[in-house]
């Protein structure tokens, strides 16, 4: 899911972290185990041209991520 937030220098870091926390907590609330969830933070040189940050929520399946 791509989530677009205000690009203001002061606003986006907080909004970005809130979105990550909301997604992560929702996965825990529906019963996924914390040890099966990873947060993959993209390196700045790997971001899309329009992105300031990107974090993937990844699930560790028995056959791999």
Foldseek 3Di string as FASTA:
>chain_A
DDDDDDPPPPPPVVVVVVVVVVVLVVCVVVPDDPVQWDKAWDDCVPDDPPDPTDIDIDGQDPVGD
